[in-house]
């Protein structure tokens, strides 16, 4: 949900991509082949994919990917994936908010891909939210409790931060916390 929130606040388009495997492809190379595809996308369309993906064990292995970014033509994607992974069957489409907002997208993904199928691995790209965002979220919960942490988290995600190795949290903390963090002169 965090990466979707960041994308919405930055007005980035959400897209859903499915990459399949064939009996001729090596399923253990699925993630390495996805890395090769990302590099081709970068060279051809000049953008780095900000993505979240799950690998399911349906068929010979399938990647379901939500990404924020530019349109990629389905024909080009199919040709590239066939060349890299020997499987031309791909799907790509735009994701739109439902009446329930981003929660509708999350319910769709969880209901169709996490609950109904067994998945092998879930991962995300460096820029999906920011590096070490999971540990940052856990620290906020430990310190403030769930409700206050959720409020601060949403404030952080909807702000304009730059993805770096360390996103400075003290800008989003309550005033009394910021005062404690200020050096005394």
N, C-alpha and C. Protein backbone atom coordinates (compact mmCIF):
# COMPACT_ATOMS: atom_id res chain seq x y z
N UNK A 1 0.82 -1.19 0.00
CA UNK A 1 0.00 0.00 0.00
C UNK A 1 0.88 1.26 0.00
N UNK A 2 2.03 1.20 0.66
CA UNK A 2 2.88 2.39 0.77
C UNK A 2 3.35 2.89 -0.59
N UNK A 3 3.80 1.99 -1.45
CA UNK A 3 4.26 2.39 -2.77
C UNK A 3 3.13 2.95 -3.62
N UNK A 4 1.92 2.43 -3.45
CA UNK A 4 0.76 2.96 -4.16
C UNK A 4 0.45 4.37 -3.68
N UNK A 5 0.56 4.59 -2.37
CA UNK A 5 0.31 5.91 -1.80
C UNK A 5 1.32 6.93 -2.32
N UNK A 6 2.59 6.54 -2.37
CA UNK A 6 3.63 7.42 -2.91
C UNK A 6 3.30 7.77 -4.36
N UNK A 7 2.95 6.78 -5.14
CA UNK A 7 2.62 7.02 -6.55
C UNK A 7 1.44 7.94 -6.72
N UNK A 8 0.40 7.74 -5.92
CA UNK A 8 -0.78 8.60 -6.02
C UNK A 8 -0.43 10.04 -5.66
N UNK A 9 0.35 10.22 -4.59
CA UNK A 9 0.68 11.58 -4.17
C UNK A 9 1.56 12.29 -5.20
N UNK A 10 2.31 11.52 -6.00
CA UNK A 10 3.17 12.11 -7.04
C UNK A 10 2.52 12.07 -8.42
N UNK A 11 1.29 11.63 -8.45
CA UNK A 11 0.51 11.55 -9.70
C UNK A 11 1.20 10.68 -10.75
N UNK A 12 1.74 9.56 -10.33
CA UNK A 12 2.37 8.61 -11.25
C UNK A 12 1.35 7.56 -11.66
N UNK A 13 1.43 7.11 -12.90
CA UNK A 13 0.51 6.10 -13.41
C UNK A 13 0.87 4.74 -12.83
N UNK A 14 -0.15 3.99 -12.44
CA UNK A 14 0.02 2.64 -11.95
C UNK A 14 -0.28 1.66 -13.07
N UNK A 15 0.56 0.66 -13.18
CA UNK A 15 0.37 -0.35 -14.22
C UNK A 15 0.59 -1.74 -13.62
N UNK A 16 -0.02 -2.72 -14.25
CA UNK A 16 0.07 -4.11 -13.79
C UNK A 16 0.60 -4.95 -14.93
N UNK A 17 1.67 -5.70 -14.67
CA UNK A 17 2.34 -6.50 -15.68
C UNK A 17 2.43 -7.95 -15.20
N UNK A 18 2.17 -8.88 -16.11
CA UNK A 18 2.32 -10.30 -15.80
C UNK A 18 3.31 -10.89 -16.80
N UNK A 19 4.33 -11.54 -16.28
CA UNK A 19 5.35 -12.20 -17.11
C UNK A 19 5.29 -13.70 -16.81
N UNK A 20 5.13 -14.50 -17.84
CA UNK A 20 4.99 -15.95 -17.66
C UNK A 20 6.28 -16.68 -18.02
N UNK A 21 6.28 -17.97 -17.72
CA UNK A 21 7.38 -18.85 -18.10
C UNK A 21 6.83 -19.99 -18.95
N UNK A 22 7.63 -20.47 -19.85
CA UNK A 22 7.24 -21.62 -20.68
C UNK A 22 8.06 -22.83 -20.25
N UNK A 23 7.70 -24.02 -20.71
CA UNK A 23 8.50 -25.21 -20.37
C UNK A 23 9.96 -25.10 -20.85
N UNK A 24 10.21 -24.32 -21.90
CA UNK A 24 11.58 -24.16 -22.41
C UNK A 24 12.41 -23.20 -21.55
N UNK A 25 11.75 -22.31 -20.82
CA UNK A 25 12.49 -21.35 -20.01
C UNK A 25 12.91 -21.98 -18.69
N UNK A 26 13.93 -21.39 -18.10
CA UNK A 26 14.42 -21.89 -16.81
C UNK A 26 13.78 -21.05 -15.70
N UNK A 27 12.90 -21.65 -14.93
CA UNK A 27 12.17 -20.88 -13.92
C UNK A 27 13.10 -20.34 -12.83
N UNK A 28 14.23 -21.01 -12.58
CA UNK A 28 15.13 -20.50 -11.56
C UNK A 28 15.83 -19.22 -12.01
N UNK A 29 15.78 -18.92 -13.31
CA UNK A 29 16.37 -17.69 -13.84
C UNK A 29 15.34 -16.57 -13.99
N UNK A 30 14.15 -16.76 -13.48
CA UNK A 30 13.07 -15.80 -13.67
C UNK A 30 13.44 -14.41 -13.16
N UNK A 31 13.97 -14.31 -11.95
CA UNK A 31 14.34 -13.00 -11.40
C UNK A 31 15.52 -12.38 -12.14
N UNK A 32 16.49 -13.17 -12.52
CA UNK A 32 17.63 -12.64 -13.29
C UNK A 32 17.15 -12.13 -14.65
N UNK A 33 16.23 -12.86 -15.26
CA UNK A 33 15.70 -12.42 -16.55
C UNK A 33 14.87 -11.15 -16.40
N UNK A 34 14.18 -11.00 -15.28
CA UNK A 34 13.43 -9.77 -15.02
C UNK A 34 14.40 -8.59 -14.90
N UNK A 35 15.55 -8.80 -14.26
CA UNK A 35 16.56 -7.73 -14.18
C UNK A 35 17.02 -7.32 -15.58
N UNK A 36 17.22 -8.31 -16.44
CA UNK A 36 17.63 -8.00 -17.82
C UNK A 36 16.54 -7.20 -18.54
N UNK A 37 15.28 -7.56 -18.31
CA UNK A 37 14.17 -6.82 -18.92
C UNK A 37 14.13 -5.38 -18.41
N UNK A 38 14.34 -5.19 -17.11
CA UNK A 38 14.36 -3.83 -16.55
C UNK A 38 15.43 -2.98 -17.23
N UNK A 39 16.59 -3.55 -17.50
CA UNK A 39 17.66 -2.80 -18.16
C UNK A 39 17.26 -2.42 -19.59
N UNK A 40 16.59 -3.33 -20.28
CA UNK A 40 16.13 -3.01 -21.64
C UNK A 40 15.08 -1.91 -21.61
N UNK A 41 14.20 -1.95 -20.62
CA UNK A 41 13.18 -0.90 -20.47
C UNK A 41 13.86 0.44 -20.21
N UNK A 42 14.87 0.44 -19.36
CA UNK A 42 15.60 1.66 -19.06
C UNK A 42 16.25 2.24 -20.32
N UNK A 43 16.88 1.38 -21.11
CA UNK A 43 17.55 1.85 -22.33
C UNK A 43 16.55 2.33 -23.39
N UNK A 44 15.44 1.63 -23.53
CA UNK A 44 14.48 1.96 -24.59
C UNK A 44 13.56 3.13 -24.20
N UNK A 45 13.04 3.11 -22.98
CA UNK A 45 12.02 4.09 -22.59
C UNK A 45 12.53 5.14 -21.60
N UNK A 46 13.77 5.02 -21.17
CA UNK A 46 14.43 6.02 -20.32
C UNK A 46 13.74 6.26 -18.98
N UNK A 47 13.34 5.18 -18.32
CA UNK A 47 12.85 5.31 -16.95
C UNK A 47 13.15 4.04 -16.18
N UNK A 48 13.42 4.23 -14.89
CA UNK A 48 13.62 3.09 -14.00
C UNK A 48 12.28 2.68 -13.44
N UNK A 49 12.02 1.40 -13.48
CA UNK A 49 10.75 0.90 -12.95
C UNK A 49 10.75 1.00 -11.43
N UNK A 50 9.68 1.54 -10.89
CA UNK A 50 9.44 1.54 -9.44
C UNK A 50 8.38 0.47 -9.25
N UNK A 51 8.76 -0.67 -8.72
CA UNK A 51 7.88 -1.83 -8.78
C UNK A 51 7.78 -2.59 -7.46
N UNK A 52 6.70 -3.36 -7.39
CA UNK A 52 6.46 -4.36 -6.35
C UNK A 52 6.07 -5.61 -7.10
N UNK A 53 6.65 -6.75 -6.76
CA UNK A 53 6.33 -7.97 -7.52
C UNK A 53 6.19 -9.17 -6.60
N UNK A 54 5.41 -10.11 -7.09
CA UNK A 54 5.32 -11.42 -6.44
C UNK A 54 5.58 -12.49 -7.49
N UNK A 55 6.23 -13.51 -7.05
CA UNK A 55 6.50 -14.66 -7.91
C UNK A 55 5.61 -15.80 -7.42
N UNK A 56 4.75 -16.28 -8.30
CA UNK A 56 3.87 -17.40 -7.95
C UNK A 56 4.41 -18.67 -8.59
N UNK A 57 3.95 -19.80 -8.08
CA UNK A 57 4.41 -21.06 -8.65
C UNK A 57 3.39 -21.65 -9.62
N UNK A 58 2.46 -20.84 -10.11
CA UNK A 58 1.52 -21.31 -11.12
C UNK A 58 2.26 -21.61 -12.41
N UNK A 59 1.87 -22.64 -13.09
CA UNK A 59 2.55 -23.03 -14.33
C UNK A 59 4.02 -23.29 -14.09
N UNK A 60 4.86 -22.65 -14.87
CA UNK A 60 6.31 -22.79 -14.73
C UNK A 60 6.93 -21.62 -13.98
N UNK A 61 6.10 -20.83 -13.32
CA UNK A 61 6.56 -19.64 -12.60
C UNK A 61 6.05 -18.39 -13.29
N UNK A 62 5.45 -17.51 -12.55
CA UNK A 62 4.88 -16.28 -13.09
C UNK A 62 5.24 -15.12 -12.18
N UNK A 63 5.56 -13.98 -12.78
CA UNK A 63 5.77 -12.74 -12.02
C UNK A 63 4.57 -11.83 -12.25
N UNK A 64 3.98 -11.37 -11.15
CA UNK A 64 2.93 -10.36 -11.19
C UNK A 64 3.55 -9.09 -10.63
N UNK A 65 3.55 -8.02 -11.42
CA UNK A 65 4.29 -6.82 -11.06
C UNK A 65 3.37 -5.59 -11.14
N UNK A 66 3.36 -4.82 -10.07
CA UNK A 66 2.72 -3.51 -10.09
C UNK A 66 3.86 -2.51 -10.20
N UNK A 67 3.78 -1.61 -11.17
CA UNK A 67 4.84 -0.62 -11.28
C UNK A 67 4.25 0.76 -11.54
N UNK A 68 5.04 1.75 -11.19
CA UNK A 68 4.70 3.14 -11.46
C UNK A 68 5.60 3.60 -12.59
N UNK A 69 4.99 4.11 -13.65
CA UNK A 69 5.83 4.58 -14.73
C UNK A 69 5.12 4.65 -16.05
N UNK A 70 5.93 4.79 -17.09
CA UNK A 70 5.45 5.02 -18.45
C UNK A 70 4.81 3.78 -19.06
N UNK A 71 4.11 4.04 -20.13
CA UNK A 71 3.49 2.99 -20.93
C UNK A 71 4.56 2.18 -21.64
N UNK A 72 4.41 0.88 -21.64
CA UNK A 72 5.30 -0.02 -22.39
C UNK A 72 4.39 -0.80 -23.35
N UNK A 73 4.63 -0.71 -24.65
CA UNK A 73 3.77 -1.43 -25.59
C UNK A 73 3.82 -2.95 -25.36
N UNK A 74 2.66 -3.56 -25.39
CA UNK A 74 2.56 -5.00 -25.12
C UNK A 74 3.34 -5.81 -26.15
N UNK A 75 3.30 -5.43 -27.40
CA UNK A 75 4.02 -6.18 -28.45
C UNK A 75 5.53 -6.15 -28.18
N UNK A 76 6.06 -4.96 -27.88
CA UNK A 76 7.50 -4.83 -27.58
C UNK A 76 7.85 -5.66 -26.36
N UNK A 77 7.03 -5.58 -25.32
CA UNK A 77 7.28 -6.34 -24.10
C UNK A 77 7.30 -7.84 -24.38
N UNK A 78 6.34 -8.31 -25.16
CA UNK A 78 6.26 -9.72 -25.51
C UNK A 78 7.50 -10.18 -26.29
N UNK A 79 7.94 -9.36 -27.24
CA UNK A 79 9.13 -9.71 -28.02
C UNK A 79 10.37 -9.79 -27.14
N UNK A 80 10.52 -8.81 -26.25
CA UNK A 80 11.69 -8.80 -25.38
C UNK A 80 11.69 -9.97 -24.41
N UNK A 81 10.52 -10.26 -23.82
CA UNK A 81 10.42 -11.35 -22.85
C UNK A 81 10.64 -12.70 -23.54
N UNK A 82 10.18 -12.83 -24.78
CA UNK A 82 10.42 -14.07 -25.53
C UNK A 82 11.91 -14.25 -25.80
N UNK A 83 12.58 -13.16 -26.12
CA UNK A 83 14.02 -13.23 -26.39
C UNK A 83 14.82 -13.53 -25.12
N UNK A 84 14.43 -12.91 -24.02
CA UNK A 84 15.16 -13.08 -22.77
C UNK A 84 14.82 -14.40 -22.09
N UNK A 85 13.54 -14.70 -21.98
CA UNK A 85 13.08 -15.82 -21.12
C UNK A 85 12.40 -16.94 -21.91
N UNK A 86 12.33 -16.81 -23.23
CA UNK A 86 11.73 -17.82 -24.09
C UNK A 86 10.25 -18.06 -23.81
N UNK A 87 9.56 -16.98 -23.45
CA UNK A 87 8.12 -17.06 -23.19
C UNK A 87 7.47 -15.76 -23.65
N UNK A 88 6.71 -15.81 -24.77
CA UNK A 88 6.14 -14.57 -25.31
C UNK A 88 4.84 -14.11 -24.63
N UNK A 89 4.30 -14.90 -23.72
CA UNK A 89 3.00 -14.56 -23.13
C UNK A 89 3.20 -13.59 -21.98
N UNK A 90 2.77 -12.36 -22.21
CA UNK A 90 2.84 -11.31 -21.20
C UNK A 90 1.52 -10.54 -21.21
N UNK A 91 1.27 -9.84 -20.14
CA UNK A 91 0.09 -8.98 -20.08
C UNK A 91 0.52 -7.68 -19.41
N UNK A 92 -0.01 -6.59 -19.88
CA UNK A 92 0.27 -5.30 -19.26
C UNK A 92 -0.98 -4.44 -19.38
N UNK A 93 -1.33 -3.77 -18.30
CA UNK A 93 -2.54 -2.92 -18.30
C UNK A 93 -2.40 -1.84 -17.25
N UNK A 94 -3.20 -0.81 -17.40
CA UNK A 94 -3.23 0.26 -16.40
C UNK A 94 -4.07 -0.18 -15.21
N UNK A 95 -3.70 0.29 -14.04
CA UNK A 95 -4.48 0.05 -12.83
C UNK A 95 -5.20 1.34 -12.48
N UNK A 96 -6.46 1.24 -12.20
CA UNK A 96 -7.24 2.41 -11.83
C UNK A 96 -7.82 2.20 -10.44
N UNK A 97 -7.94 3.29 -9.73
CA UNK A 97 -8.57 3.22 -8.41
C UNK A 97 -10.03 2.84 -8.57
N UNK A 98 -10.51 2.06 -7.62
CA UNK A 98 -11.93 1.73 -7.59
C UNK A 98 -12.64 2.75 -6.72
N UNK A 99 -13.92 2.52 -6.48
CA UNK A 99 -14.66 3.41 -5.59
C UNK A 99 -14.03 3.43 -4.20
N UNK A 100 -13.34 2.36 -3.87
CA UNK A 100 -12.69 2.25 -2.55
C UNK A 100 -11.30 2.87 -2.54
N UNK A 101 -10.91 3.50 -3.63
CA UNK A 101 -9.60 4.12 -3.69
C UNK A 101 -8.48 3.11 -3.86
N UNK A 102 -7.34 3.39 -3.28
CA UNK A 102 -6.19 2.48 -3.39
C UNK A 102 -6.46 1.16 -2.69
N UNK A 103 -7.31 1.17 -1.68
CA UNK A 103 -7.64 -0.08 -1.00
C UNK A 103 -8.27 -1.08 -1.95
N UNK A 104 -9.04 -0.58 -2.93
CA UNK A 104 -9.64 -1.47 -3.92
C UNK A 104 -8.58 -2.21 -4.72
N UNK A 105 -7.52 -1.51 -5.09
CA UNK A 105 -6.42 -2.14 -5.82
C UNK A 105 -5.75 -3.19 -4.94
N UNK A 106 -5.50 -2.82 -3.69
CA UNK A 106 -4.84 -3.75 -2.77
C UNK A 106 -5.70 -5.00 -2.56
N UNK A 107 -7.01 -4.82 -2.35
CA UNK A 107 -7.90 -5.98 -2.16
C UNK A 107 -7.90 -6.87 -3.40
N UNK A 108 -7.87 -6.25 -4.59
CA UNK A 108 -7.82 -7.02 -5.83
C UNK A 108 -6.55 -7.86 -5.89
N UNK A 109 -5.42 -7.23 -5.62
CA UNK A 109 -4.14 -7.94 -5.71
C UNK A 109 -4.04 -9.05 -4.66
N UNK A 110 -4.39 -8.72 -3.45
CA UNK A 110 -4.32 -9.73 -2.38
C UNK A 110 -5.30 -10.85 -2.65
N UNK A 111 -6.53 -10.51 -3.02
CA UNK A 111 -7.56 -11.52 -3.26
C UNK A 111 -7.23 -12.44 -4.41
N UNK A 112 -6.65 -11.91 -5.47
CA UNK A 112 -6.39 -12.73 -6.65
C UNK A 112 -5.02 -13.38 -6.70
N UNK A 113 -4.02 -12.75 -6.09
CA UNK A 113 -2.67 -13.27 -6.27
C UNK A 113 -2.00 -13.75 -5.00
N UNK A 114 -2.42 -13.29 -3.86
CA UNK A 114 -1.79 -13.76 -2.63
C UNK A 114 -2.66 -14.80 -1.93
N UNK A 115 -3.97 -14.63 -1.97
CA UNK A 115 -4.85 -15.54 -1.23
C UNK A 115 -5.19 -16.79 -2.04
N UNK A 116 -5.38 -16.67 -3.35
CA UNK A 116 -5.83 -17.81 -4.15
C UNK A 116 -4.69 -18.67 -4.69
N UNK A 117 -3.49 -18.15 -4.73
CA UNK A 117 -2.36 -18.89 -5.26
C UNK A 117 -1.26 -18.92 -4.20
N UNK A 118 -0.46 -19.96 -4.26
CA UNK A 118 0.69 -19.93 -3.36
C UNK A 118 1.79 -19.15 -4.06
N UNK A 119 2.40 -18.25 -3.32
CA UNK A 119 3.46 -17.48 -3.94
C UNK A 119 4.78 -17.84 -3.29
N UNK A 120 5.84 -17.71 -4.06
CA UNK A 120 7.16 -18.10 -3.61
C UNK A 120 7.92 -16.94 -2.99
N UNK A 121 7.74 -15.75 -3.55
CA UNK A 121 8.54 -14.62 -3.08
C UNK A 121 7.86 -13.31 -3.41
N UNK A 122 7.98 -12.37 -2.50
CA UNK A 122 7.50 -11.02 -2.74
C UNK A 122 8.69 -10.09 -2.57
N UNK A 123 8.83 -9.11 -3.47
CA UNK A 123 9.94 -8.17 -3.37
C UNK A 123 9.54 -6.86 -4.02
N UNK A 124 10.40 -5.86 -3.88
CA UNK A 124 10.13 -4.55 -4.45
C UNK A 124 11.44 -3.91 -4.84
N UNK A 125 11.31 -2.93 -5.71
CA UNK A 125 12.48 -2.20 -6.19
C UNK A 125 12.91 -1.13 -5.20
N UNK A 126 14.10 -0.67 -5.37
CA UNK A 126 14.74 0.34 -4.53
C UNK A 126 13.88 1.58 -4.38
N UNK A 127 13.22 2.00 -5.44
CA UNK A 127 12.46 3.24 -5.43
C UNK A 127 10.97 3.05 -5.21
N UNK A 128 10.52 1.84 -4.88
CA UNK A 128 9.08 1.62 -4.67
C UNK A 128 8.57 2.54 -3.55
N UNK A 129 9.29 2.61 -2.45
CA UNK A 129 8.99 3.59 -1.40
C UNK A 129 10.29 4.33 -1.12
N UNK A 130 11.14 3.78 -0.28
CA UNK A 130 12.50 4.25 -0.09
C UNK A 130 13.26 3.12 0.61
N UNK A 131 14.58 3.10 0.53
CA UNK A 131 15.35 2.01 1.14
C UNK A 131 15.07 1.91 2.64
N UNK A 132 14.94 0.71 3.11
CA UNK A 132 14.73 0.40 4.53
C UNK A 132 13.41 0.95 5.07
N UNK A 133 12.40 1.09 4.19
CA UNK A 133 11.12 1.63 4.65
C UNK A 133 10.42 0.70 5.62
N UNK A 134 10.63 -0.61 5.50
CA UNK A 134 9.97 -1.56 6.41
C UNK A 134 10.47 -1.37 7.84
N UNK A 135 11.78 -1.27 8.01
CA UNK A 135 12.30 -1.08 9.37
C UNK A 135 11.90 0.29 9.92
N UNK A 136 11.80 1.28 9.06
CA UNK A 136 11.35 2.61 9.48
C UNK A 136 9.91 2.54 9.99
N UNK A 137 9.05 1.84 9.27
CA UNK A 137 7.65 1.67 9.67
C UNK A 137 7.58 0.95 11.02
N UNK A 138 8.37 -0.09 11.19
CA UNK A 138 8.37 -0.84 12.46
C UNK A 138 8.82 0.04 13.62
N UNK A 139 9.83 0.88 13.39
CA UNK A 139 10.29 1.78 14.45
C UNK A 139 9.21 2.77 14.85
N UNK A 140 8.49 3.29 13.87
CA UNK A 140 7.40 4.22 14.17
C UNK A 140 6.32 3.54 15.01
N UNK A 141 5.97 2.31 14.69
CA UNK A 141 4.94 1.60 15.46
C UNK A 141 5.42 1.36 16.89
N UNK A 142 6.67 0.93 17.03
CA UNK A 142 7.20 0.69 18.39
C UNK A 142 7.17 1.96 19.23
N UNK A 143 7.51 3.07 18.63
CA UNK A 143 7.64 4.31 19.38
C UNK A 143 6.30 4.99 19.66
N UNK A 144 5.37 4.98 18.67
CA UNK A 144 4.15 5.78 18.78
C UNK A 144 2.86 4.96 18.88
N UNK A 145 2.93 3.67 18.69
CA UNK A 145 1.70 2.89 18.61
C UNK A 145 1.15 2.98 17.19
N UNK A 146 0.24 2.08 16.87
CA UNK A 146 -0.20 1.94 15.49
C UNK A 146 -0.90 3.19 14.95
N UNK A 147 -1.86 3.75 15.67
CA UNK A 147 -2.64 4.88 15.14
C UNK A 147 -1.76 6.10 14.84
N UNK A 148 -0.94 6.50 15.79
CA UNK A 148 -0.08 7.67 15.58
C UNK A 148 0.96 7.37 14.50
N UNK A 149 1.49 6.15 14.49
CA UNK A 149 2.47 5.77 13.47
C UNK A 149 1.85 5.84 12.08
N UNK A 150 0.61 5.38 11.95
CA UNK A 150 -0.07 5.42 10.65
C UNK A 150 -0.26 6.86 10.18
N UNK A 151 -0.64 7.74 11.09
CA UNK A 151 -0.79 9.15 10.76
C UNK A 151 0.54 9.73 10.26
N UNK A 152 1.62 9.49 10.99
CA UNK A 152 2.94 10.00 10.60
C UNK A 152 3.41 9.39 9.28
N UNK A 153 3.14 8.11 9.12
CA UNK A 153 3.55 7.39 7.91
C UNK A 153 2.88 7.98 6.67
N UNK A 154 1.58 8.19 6.76
CA UNK A 154 0.86 8.78 5.62
C UNK A 154 1.37 10.18 5.32
N UNK A 155 1.67 10.92 6.35
CA UNK A 155 2.24 12.26 6.17
C UNK A 155 3.57 12.20 5.43
N UNK A 156 4.39 11.25 5.82
CA UNK A 156 5.69 11.05 5.17
C UNK A 156 5.51 10.66 3.70
N UNK A 157 4.65 9.69 3.44
CA UNK A 157 4.51 9.17 2.08
C UNK A 157 3.91 10.20 1.12
N UNK A 158 3.08 11.09 1.61
CA UNK A 158 2.45 12.10 0.75
C UNK A 158 3.28 13.37 0.62
N UNK A 159 4.43 13.40 1.26
CA UNK A 159 5.30 14.57 1.15
C UNK A 159 6.26 14.37 -0.03
N UNK A 160 6.98 15.40 -0.34
CA UNK A 160 7.92 15.29 -1.45
C UNK A 160 9.31 14.99 -0.88
N UNK A 161 9.62 13.71 -0.76
CA UNK A 161 10.95 13.30 -0.33
C UNK A 161 11.69 12.75 -1.52
N UNK A 162 12.98 12.79 -1.45
CA UNK A 162 13.83 12.22 -2.48
C UNK A 162 14.29 10.86 -2.00
N UNK A 163 14.24 9.87 -2.88
CA UNK A 163 14.67 8.53 -2.49
C UNK A 163 16.19 8.55 -2.36
N UNK A 164 16.64 8.38 -1.14
CA UNK A 164 18.06 8.29 -0.84
C UNK A 164 18.25 7.11 0.09
N UNK A 165 19.46 6.89 0.51
CA UNK A 165 19.69 5.78 1.44
C UNK A 165 19.00 6.02 2.77
N UNK A 166 18.80 7.26 3.14
CA UNK A 166 18.18 7.57 4.42
C UNK A 166 17.19 8.71 4.24
N UNK A 167 15.92 8.42 4.45
CA UNK A 167 14.90 9.47 4.42
C UNK A 167 14.81 10.01 5.83
N UNK A 168 14.97 11.28 5.99
CA UNK A 168 14.97 11.90 7.32
C UNK A 168 13.55 11.95 7.88
N UNK A 169 13.36 11.25 8.97
CA UNK A 169 12.03 11.16 9.56
C UNK A 169 11.69 12.34 10.45
N UNK A 170 12.69 13.03 11.00
CA UNK A 170 12.39 14.04 12.01
C UNK A 170 11.52 15.17 11.48
N UNK A 171 11.47 15.39 10.14
CA UNK A 171 10.58 16.41 9.59
C UNK A 171 9.11 16.07 9.79
N UNK A 172 8.80 14.79 9.99
CA UNK A 172 7.41 14.35 10.03
C UNK A 172 6.96 13.98 11.43
N UNK A 173 7.85 14.12 12.39
CA UNK A 173 7.50 13.77 13.76
C UNK A 173 6.77 14.92 14.43
N UNK A 174 6.02 14.63 15.48
CA UNK A 174 5.33 15.71 16.21
C UNK A 174 6.33 16.74 16.73
N UNK A 175 5.84 17.96 16.98
CA UNK A 175 6.71 19.07 17.40
C UNK A 175 7.50 18.74 18.66
N UNK A 176 6.85 18.08 19.63
CA UNK A 176 7.57 17.79 20.88
C UNK A 176 8.72 16.82 20.63
N UNK A 177 8.59 15.94 19.64
CA UNK A 177 9.69 15.02 19.30
C UNK A 177 10.80 15.76 18.58
N UNK A 178 10.45 16.66 17.67
CA UNK A 178 11.47 17.42 16.95
C UNK A 178 12.27 18.27 17.93
N UNK A 179 11.60 18.84 18.92
CA UNK A 179 12.29 19.66 19.91
C UNK A 179 13.32 18.83 20.68
N UNK A 180 12.97 17.59 20.97
CA UNK A 180 13.92 16.72 21.69
C UNK A 180 15.12 16.39 20.84
N UNK A 181 14.93 16.32 19.50
CA UNK A 181 16.03 15.94 18.60
C UNK A 181 16.96 17.10 18.29
N UNK A 182 16.52 18.34 18.52
CA UNK A 182 17.35 19.51 18.24
C UNK A 182 18.53 19.57 19.20
N UNK A 183 19.73 19.87 18.70
CA UNK A 183 20.88 20.00 19.60
C UNK A 183 20.73 21.23 20.47
N UNK A 184 21.10 21.11 21.74
CA UNK A 184 21.01 22.23 22.67
C UNK A 184 22.30 23.04 22.59
N UNK A 185 22.11 24.36 22.52
CA UNK A 185 23.28 25.26 22.38
C UNK A 185 23.58 25.92 23.69
